[in-house]
Amino acid sequence: MVKIYRQGDVVLRPVSRLPKCANKAGEKLSISSENGNPHTMQAAVYVARKNGQMQQQYVVLEDEEKMTHPQHPTLVIPAGIYEVSNVHERDYAPRRAMD
């Protein structure tokens, strides 16, 4: 069974390898959430591009690392290669029908 890690808007899904089109883009993952606070983690960050446009982001962890965010508990992510998704969710409370 594959374990997926989620901290608010950020989802990390394990993958077996990086795509050939992925190039290293940095040493720190930082993704701003909907409210502007960043999800951060020390990691080798890779970006896959197609026709110059970013298609997907990946992180490679040699050792376990902590993902932090001021409004969420810290997550400990095991060593591995992960596809990064940024999923914005909004709370929805429908208005009651007017009588």
N, C-alpha and C. Protein backbone atom coordinates (compact mmCIF):
# COMPACT_ATOMS: atom_id res chain seq x y z
N MET A 1 0.84 -1.18 0.00
CA MET A 1 0.00 0.00 0.00
C MET A 1 0.89 1.24 0.00
N VAL A 2 0.54 2.20 -0.83
CA VAL A 2 1.30 3.44 -0.95
C VAL A 2 0.79 4.45 0.08
N LYS A 3 1.72 5.05 0.81
CA LYS A 3 1.34 6.07 1.79
C LYS A 3 1.52 7.44 1.16
N ILE A 4 0.46 8.22 1.17
CA ILE A 4 0.47 9.58 0.65
C ILE A 4 0.49 10.53 1.84
N TYR A 5 1.29 11.58 1.75
CA TYR A 5 1.44 12.55 2.84
C TYR A 5 0.75 13.84 2.45
N ARG A 6 -0.03 14.38 3.37
CA ARG A 6 -0.73 15.63 3.09
C ARG A 6 -0.61 16.56 4.28
N GLN A 7 -0.30 17.81 3.96
CA GLN A 7 -0.28 18.87 4.97
C GLN A 7 -1.05 20.04 4.36
N GLY A 8 -2.31 20.17 4.76
CA GLY A 8 -3.14 21.24 4.20
C GLY A 8 -3.26 21.12 2.70
N ASP A 9 -2.79 22.14 1.97
CA ASP A 9 -2.91 22.20 0.52
C ASP A 9 -1.86 21.36 -0.22
N VAL A 10 -0.86 20.85 0.46
CA VAL A 10 0.25 20.16 -0.19
C VAL A 10 0.14 18.65 -0.01
N VAL A 11 0.25 17.93 -1.13
CA VAL A 11 0.18 16.47 -1.13
C VAL A 11 1.48 15.92 -1.71
N LEU A 12 2.09 14.96 -1.02
CA LEU A 12 3.29 14.28 -1.52
C LEU A 12 2.93 12.82 -1.79
N ARG A 13 3.13 12.39 -3.04
CA ARG A 13 2.83 11.02 -3.44
C ARG A 13 4.13 10.34 -3.88
N PRO A 14 4.48 9.21 -3.26
CA PRO A 14 5.73 8.54 -3.64
C PRO A 14 5.71 8.07 -5.10
N VAL A 15 6.85 8.21 -5.77
CA VAL A 15 7.02 7.70 -7.14
C VAL A 15 8.33 6.90 -7.17
N SER A 16 8.45 6.02 -8.15
CA SER A 16 9.63 5.16 -8.20
C SER A 16 10.87 5.88 -8.74
N ARG A 17 10.67 6.89 -9.61
CA ARG A 17 11.81 7.63 -10.16
C ARG A 17 11.34 8.96 -10.73
N LEU A 18 12.31 9.84 -10.94
CA LEU A 18 12.02 11.13 -11.56
C LEU A 18 11.82 10.94 -13.06
N PRO A 19 10.96 11.74 -13.68
CA PRO A 19 10.87 11.67 -15.14
C PRO A 19 12.16 12.21 -15.77
N LYS A 20 12.45 11.77 -16.97
CA LYS A 20 13.68 12.20 -17.66
C LYS A 20 13.73 13.70 -17.89
N CYS A 21 12.57 14.33 -18.01
CA CYS A 21 12.53 15.77 -18.30
C CYS A 21 12.65 16.63 -17.03
N ALA A 22 12.84 16.02 -15.86
CA ALA A 22 12.93 16.78 -14.61
C ALA A 22 14.35 17.32 -14.42
N ASN A 23 14.44 18.59 -14.06
CA ASN A 23 15.72 19.24 -13.80
C ASN A 23 15.72 19.81 -12.39
N LYS A 24 16.88 19.80 -11.76
CA LYS A 24 16.99 20.32 -10.40
C LYS A 24 16.72 21.82 -10.39
N ALA A 25 15.90 22.23 -9.40
CA ALA A 25 15.48 23.63 -9.32
C ALA A 25 15.82 24.28 -7.99
N GLY A 26 16.34 23.51 -7.02
CA GLY A 26 16.66 24.10 -5.73
C GLY A 26 16.84 23.08 -4.64
N GLU A 27 17.06 23.59 -3.42
CA GLU A 27 17.32 22.74 -2.25
C GLU A 27 16.28 22.92 -1.15
N LYS A 28 15.21 23.67 -1.46
CA LYS A 28 14.17 23.89 -0.44
C LYS A 28 12.82 23.95 -1.12
N LEU A 29 11.88 23.15 -0.63
CA LEU A 29 10.52 23.22 -1.13
C LEU A 29 9.79 24.29 -0.32
N SER A 30 9.14 25.20 -1.00
CA SER A 30 8.36 26.24 -0.34
C SER A 30 7.14 26.52 -1.20
N ILE A 31 5.97 26.13 -0.68
CA ILE A 31 4.72 26.31 -1.41
C ILE A 31 3.79 27.12 -0.53
N SER A 32 3.36 28.26 -1.03
CA SER A 32 2.44 29.10 -0.27
C SER A 32 1.05 28.49 -0.29
N SER A 33 0.42 28.48 0.88
CA SER A 33 -0.94 27.99 0.98
C SER A 33 -1.90 29.11 0.57
N GLU A 34 -3.16 28.78 0.55
CA GLU A 34 -4.17 29.75 0.15
C GLU A 34 -4.13 31.02 1.00
N ASN A 35 -3.75 30.87 2.28
CA ASN A 35 -3.70 32.03 3.17
C ASN A 35 -2.34 32.72 3.15
N GLY A 36 -1.40 32.23 2.32
CA GLY A 36 -0.12 32.89 2.16
C GLY A 36 1.02 32.33 3.00
N ASN A 37 0.71 31.51 4.00
CA ASN A 37 1.78 30.90 4.81
C ASN A 37 2.42 29.75 4.03
N PRO A 38 3.75 29.64 4.08
CA PRO A 38 4.41 28.60 3.28
C PRO A 38 4.51 27.24 3.97
N HIS A 39 4.36 26.20 3.16
CA HIS A 39 4.71 24.84 3.55
C HIS A 39 6.17 24.71 3.13
N THR A 40 7.07 24.36 4.06
CA THR A 40 8.49 24.32 3.72
C THR A 40 9.13 23.00 4.14
N MET A 41 10.19 22.62 3.40
CA MET A 41 10.94 21.41 3.70
C MET A 41 12.28 21.49 2.97
N GLN A 42 13.35 21.11 3.67
CA GLN A 42 14.66 20.99 3.03
C GLN A 42 14.64 19.75 2.16
N ALA A 43 14.82 19.93 0.85
CA ALA A 43 14.75 18.81 -0.08
C ALA A 43 15.32 19.23 -1.42
N ALA A 44 15.84 18.28 -2.16
CA ALA A 44 16.25 18.54 -3.53
C ALA A 44 14.96 18.64 -4.35
N VAL A 45 14.74 19.80 -4.95
CA VAL A 45 13.50 20.06 -5.70
C VAL A 45 13.80 19.94 -7.19
N TYR A 46 12.94 19.21 -7.90
CA TYR A 46 13.06 19.04 -9.35
C TYR A 46 11.77 19.49 -10.00
N VAL A 47 11.90 20.03 -11.21
CA VAL A 47 10.74 20.49 -11.96
C VAL A 47 10.76 19.83 -13.33
N ALA A 48 9.62 19.26 -13.71
CA ALA A 48 9.45 18.71 -15.05
C ALA A 48 8.73 19.76 -15.89
N ARG A 49 9.31 20.08 -17.03
CA ARG A 49 8.73 21.09 -17.92
C ARG A 49 8.42 20.49 -19.28
N LYS A 50 7.40 21.06 -19.91
CA LYS A 50 7.06 20.70 -21.28
C LYS A 50 6.81 21.99 -22.03
N ASN A 51 7.51 22.18 -23.14
CA ASN A 51 7.41 23.43 -23.92
C ASN A 51 7.65 24.66 -23.05
N GLY A 52 8.59 24.55 -22.10
CA GLY A 52 8.96 25.67 -21.26
C GLY A 52 8.03 25.92 -20.09
N GLN A 53 6.94 25.20 -20.00
CA GLN A 53 5.96 25.38 -18.93
C GLN A 53 6.13 24.28 -17.87
N MET A 54 6.07 24.69 -16.59
CA MET A 54 6.18 23.71 -15.51
C MET A 54 4.98 22.77 -15.55
N GLN A 55 5.26 21.48 -15.58
CA GLN A 55 4.21 20.47 -15.58
C GLN A 55 4.02 19.86 -14.19
N GLN A 56 5.13 19.57 -13.52
CA GLN A 56 5.05 18.89 -12.23
C GLN A 56 6.31 19.17 -11.43
N GLN A 57 6.14 19.19 -10.11
CA GLN A 57 7.25 19.40 -9.19
C GLN A 57 7.48 18.09 -8.42
N TYR A 58 8.76 17.82 -8.11
CA TYR A 58 9.15 16.62 -7.37
C TYR A 58 10.15 17.01 -6.29
N VAL A 59 10.21 16.19 -5.23
CA VAL A 59 11.26 16.34 -4.23
C VAL A 59 11.94 14.99 -4.04
N VAL A 60 13.25 15.06 -3.80
CA VAL A 60 14.04 13.86 -3.52
C VAL A 60 14.64 14.04 -2.12
N LEU A 61 14.33 13.09 -1.25
CA LEU A 61 14.82 13.13 0.13
C LEU A 61 15.80 11.99 0.34
N GLU A 62 17.03 12.33 0.69
CA GLU A 62 18.05 11.31 0.99
C GLU A 62 17.82 10.73 2.38
N ASP A 63 17.31 11.55 3.29
CA ASP A 63 16.98 11.15 4.66
C ASP A 63 15.59 11.69 4.96
N GLU A 64 15.00 11.26 6.06
CA GLU A 64 13.69 11.81 6.41
C GLU A 64 13.83 13.31 6.69
N GLU A 65 12.79 14.04 6.36
CA GLU A 65 12.78 15.49 6.53
C GLU A 65 11.44 15.92 7.12
N LYS A 66 11.44 17.10 7.72
CA LYS A 66 10.21 17.64 8.31
C LYS A 66 9.62 18.69 7.38
N MET A 67 8.30 18.58 7.15
CA MET A 67 7.57 19.61 6.43
C MET A 67 6.84 20.45 7.48
N THR A 68 7.03 21.77 7.41
CA THR A 68 6.44 22.64 8.41
C THR A 68 5.49 23.65 7.78
N HIS A 69 4.57 24.11 8.60
CA HIS A 69 3.61 25.15 8.24
C HIS A 69 3.07 25.70 9.55
N PRO A 70 2.92 27.02 9.67
CA PRO A 70 2.51 27.58 10.96
C PRO A 70 1.13 27.15 11.45
N GLN A 71 0.26 26.67 10.55
CA GLN A 71 -1.10 26.30 10.96
C GLN A 71 -1.36 24.80 10.99
N HIS A 72 -0.34 23.99 10.75
CA HIS A 72 -0.51 22.54 10.70
C HIS A 72 0.56 21.86 11.55
N PRO A 73 0.27 20.64 12.03
CA PRO A 73 1.32 19.88 12.71
C PRO A 73 2.46 19.58 11.74
N THR A 74 3.68 19.51 12.26
CA THR A 74 4.84 19.15 11.45
C THR A 74 4.71 17.70 11.00
N LEU A 75 5.03 17.46 9.72
CA LEU A 75 5.02 16.10 9.17
C LEU A 75 6.45 15.63 9.00
N VAL A 76 6.71 14.38 9.36
CA VAL A 76 8.01 13.77 9.10
C VAL A 76 7.84 12.88 7.87
N ILE A 77 8.58 13.21 6.81
CA ILE A 77 8.48 12.50 5.54
C ILE A 77 9.69 11.59 5.38
N PRO A 78 9.49 10.28 5.15
CA PRO A 78 10.62 9.37 4.97
C PRO A 78 11.42 9.65 3.69
N ALA A 79 12.64 9.16 3.65
CA ALA A 79 13.48 9.29 2.45
C ALA A 79 12.74 8.69 1.26
N GLY A 80 12.92 9.31 0.09
CA GLY A 80 12.27 8.81 -1.11
C GLY A 80 12.11 9.90 -2.15
N ILE A 81 11.41 9.57 -3.21
CA ILE A 81 11.11 10.50 -4.30
C ILE A 81 9.60 10.72 -4.29
N TYR A 82 9.19 11.99 -4.32
CA TYR A 82 7.77 12.32 -4.22
C TYR A 82 7.35 13.31 -5.29
N GLU A 83 6.17 13.08 -5.84
CA GLU A 83 5.50 14.03 -6.71
C GLU A 83 4.75 15.00 -5.80
N VAL A 84 4.86 16.28 -6.07
CA VAL A 84 4.25 17.31 -5.22
C VAL A 84 3.02 17.87 -5.92
N SER A 85 1.91 17.89 -5.19
CA SER A 85 0.68 18.50 -5.71
C SER A 85 0.25 19.59 -4.76
N ASN A 86 -0.28 20.65 -5.33
CA ASN A 86 -0.79 21.77 -4.55
C ASN A 86 -2.29 21.83 -4.79
N VAL A 87 -3.06 21.42 -3.79
CA VAL A 87 -4.51 21.31 -3.92
C VAL A 87 -5.16 22.33 -3.01
N HIS A 88 -5.72 23.38 -3.60
CA HIS A 88 -6.41 24.39 -2.78
C HIS A 88 -7.82 23.91 -2.50
N GLU A 89 -8.17 23.88 -1.24
CA GLU A 89 -9.53 23.54 -0.84
C GLU A 89 -10.12 24.71 -0.10
N ARG A 90 -11.38 24.90 -0.31
CA ARG A 90 -12.10 25.96 0.39
C ARG A 90 -13.25 25.32 1.15
N ASP A 91 -13.52 25.85 2.32
CA ASP A 91 -14.68 25.40 3.07
C ASP A 91 -15.92 25.98 2.39
N TYR A 92 -16.95 25.16 2.29
CA TYR A 92 -18.17 25.60 1.65
C TYR A 92 -19.34 25.32 2.57
N ALA A 93 -20.09 26.34 2.86
CA ALA A 93 -21.29 26.22 3.67
C ALA A 93 -22.42 26.87 2.90
N PRO A 94 -23.30 26.06 2.28
CA PRO A 94 -24.37 26.66 1.47
C PRO A 94 -25.31 27.50 2.32
N ARG A 95 -25.78 28.55 1.73
CA ARG A 95 -26.75 29.39 2.42
C ARG A 95 -28.09 28.67 2.44
N ARG A 96 -28.83 28.86 3.50
CA ARG A 96 -30.15 28.26 3.58
C ARG A 96 -31.09 28.95 2.58
N ALA A 97 -31.97 28.16 2.04
CA ALA A 97 -32.96 28.73 1.12
C ALA A 97 -33.83 29.72 1.87
N MET A 98 -34.09 30.81 1.23
CA MET A 98 -34.91 31.84 1.87
C MET A 98 -36.37 31.42 1.82
N ASP A 99 -37.08 31.66 2.92
CA ASP A 99 -38.52 31.31 2.97
C ASP A 99 -39.34 32.37 2.31
